[in-house]
Amino acid sequence: MSQVNQVEIRCLNCGLWFPSPIYFGDSDSFDTSTLIGNQAQCPHCGRMTGCNKENMRVYHQKGGFVGKDTV
């Protein structure tokens, strides 16, 4: 278990990154969470976008995670 330093969302509309409104205290909390159907408003384009593991990147003390829709 390591402390999460940063969680970012990639907007599925404009493709830009922004800080996630969902917070995780540690990597175990992120790993065991189910994030389906969450939405957040992109501060760049103003549109709602999915806020799921597929379009997230997470940085923590021992590494990180990059979702499949982040490229």
C-alpha atoms as a PDB file:
ATOM      1  CA  MET A   1       0.000   0.000   0.000  1.00  0.00           C
ATOM      2  CA  SER A   2       1.385   3.398  -0.961  1.00  0.00           C
ATOM      3  CA  GLN A   3       0.013   6.914  -0.722  1.00  0.00           C
ATOM      4  CA  VAL A   4      -1.628   8.290  -3.865  1.00  0.00           C
ATOM      5  CA  ASN A   5       0.005  11.558  -4.940  1.00  0.00           C
ATOM      6  CA  GLN A   6      -2.139  12.529  -7.922  1.00  0.00           C
ATOM      7  CA  VAL A   7      -5.169  11.308  -9.884  1.00  0.00           C
ATOM      8  CA  GLU A   8      -5.995  12.792 -13.296  1.00  0.00           C
ATOM      9  CA  ILE A   9      -8.841  12.317 -15.775  1.00  0.00           C
ATOM     10  CA  ARG A  10      -8.481  12.506 -19.549  1.00  0.00           C
ATOM     11  CA  CYS A  11     -11.534  14.203 -21.025  1.00  0.00           C
ATOM     12  CA  LEU A  12     -13.142  11.903 -23.576  1.00  0.00           C
ATOM     13  CA  ASN A  13     -14.371  14.952 -25.518  1.00  0.00           C
ATOM     14  CA  CYS A  14     -11.351  17.278 -25.853  1.00  0.00           C
ATOM     15  CA  GLY A  15      -8.584  14.863 -24.776  1.00  0.00           C
ATOM     16  CA  LEU A  16      -7.049  17.189 -22.182  1.00  0.00           C
ATOM     17  CA  TRP A  17      -6.105  16.142 -18.651  1.00  0.00           C
ATOM     18  CA  PHE A  18      -7.510  17.607 -15.424  1.00  0.00           C
ATOM     19  CA  PRO A  19      -7.369  16.720 -11.704  1.00  0.00           C
ATOM     20  CA  SER A  20      -9.868  14.084 -10.651  1.00  0.00           C
ATOM     21  CA  PRO A  21     -12.697  15.096  -8.297  1.00  0.00           C
ATOM     22  CA  ILE A  22     -12.475  11.555  -6.879  1.00  0.00           C
ATOM     23  CA  TYR A  23      -9.805  11.123  -4.195  1.00  0.00           C
ATOM     24  CA  PHE A  24      -7.992   7.947  -3.140  1.00  0.00           C
ATOM     25  CA  GLY A  25      -5.868   7.883   0.007  1.00  0.00           C
ATOM     26  CA  ASP A  26      -3.754   4.923  -1.041  1.00  0.00           C
ATOM     27  CA  SER A  27      -3.114   2.551  -3.913  1.00  0.00           C
ATOM     28  CA  ASP A  28      -5.146  -0.254  -2.309  1.00  0.00           C
ATOM     29  CA  SER A  29      -8.219   1.996  -2.179  1.00  0.00           C
ATOM     30  CA  PHE A  30      -7.850   2.676  -5.896  1.00  0.00           C
ATOM     31  CA  ASP A  31      -7.133  -0.953  -6.788  1.00  0.00           C
ATOM     32  CA  THR A  32     -10.232  -2.251  -5.010  1.00  0.00           C
ATOM     33  CA  SER A  33     -12.622   0.502  -6.121  1.00  0.00           C
ATOM     34  CA  THR A  34     -15.243   0.055  -8.820  1.00  0.00           C
ATOM     35  CA  LEU A  35     -15.525   3.212 -10.875  1.00  0.00           C
ATOM     36  CA  ILE A  36     -18.299   2.827 -13.424  1.00  0.00           C
ATOM     37  CA  GLY A  37     -20.717   5.491 -14.567  1.00  0.00           C
ATOM     38  CA  ASN A  38     -19.055   8.407 -12.767  1.00  0.00           C
ATOM     39  CA  GLN A  39     -19.015  11.768 -14.530  1.00  0.00           C
ATOM     40  CA  ALA A  40     -17.059  14.997 -14.085  1.00  0.00           C
ATOM     41  CA  GLN A  41     -17.178  18.330 -15.870  1.00  0.00           C
ATOM     42  CA  CYS A  42     -14.048  19.076 -17.862  1.00  0.00           C
ATOM     43  CA  PRO A  43     -12.634  22.488 -16.919  1.00  0.00           C
ATOM     44  CA  HIS A  44     -11.239  22.887 -20.460  1.00  0.00           C
ATOM     45  CA  CYS A  45     -14.243  22.238 -22.719  1.00  0.00           C
ATOM     46  CA  GLY A  46     -17.036  22.412 -20.108  1.00  0.00           C
ATOM     47  CA  ARG A  47     -18.588  19.115 -21.185  1.00  0.00           C
ATOM     48  CA  MET A  48     -19.318  16.132 -18.970  1.00  0.00           C
ATOM     49  CA  THR A  49     -16.936  13.215 -19.356  1.00  0.00           C
ATOM     50  CA  GLY A  50     -16.589   9.767 -17.891  1.00  0.00           C
ATOM     51  CA  CYS A  51     -14.608   9.566 -14.681  1.00  0.00           C
ATOM     52  CA  ASN A  52     -13.706   5.880 -14.714  1.00  0.00           C
ATOM     53  CA  LYS A  53     -10.517   3.851 -14.406  1.00  0.00           C
ATOM     54  CA  GLU A  54     -10.297   3.575 -18.193  1.00  0.00           C
ATOM     55  CA  ASN A  55      -9.528   7.295 -18.607  1.00  0.00           C
ATOM     56  CA  MET A  56      -7.548   7.859 -15.391  1.00  0.00           C
ATOM     57  CA  ARG A  57      -3.899   8.015 -14.570  1.00  0.00           C
ATOM     58  CA  VAL A  58      -2.774   7.650 -10.984  1.00  0.00           C
ATOM     59  CA  TYR A  59       0.597   8.456  -9.489  1.00  0.00           C
ATOM     60  CA  HIS A  60       1.597   6.954  -6.157  1.00  0.00           C
ATOM     61  CA  GLN A  61       4.794   6.399  -4.192  1.00  0.00           C
ATOM     62  CA  LYS A  62       5.502   2.969  -5.646  1.00  0.00           C
ATOM     63  CA  GLY A  63       4.429   3.522  -9.265  1.00  0.00           C
ATOM     64  CA  GLY A  64       1.117   4.248 -10.866  1.00  0.00           C
ATOM     65  CA  PHE A  65      -1.719   3.233 -13.115  1.00  0.00           C
ATOM     66  CA  VAL A  66      -2.702   4.268 -16.644  1.00  0.00           C
ATOM     67  CA  GLY A  67      -6.119   3.381 -18.045  1.00  0.00           C
ATOM     68  CA  LYS A  68      -6.693   1.977 -21.540  1.00  0.00           C
ATOM     69  CA  ASP A  69      -8.436   5.157 -22.824  1.00  0.00           C
ATOM     70  CA  THR A  70      -5.558   7.479 -21.919  1.00  0.00           C
ATOM     71  CA  VAL A  71      -3.578   7.283 -25.150  1.00  0.00           C
END
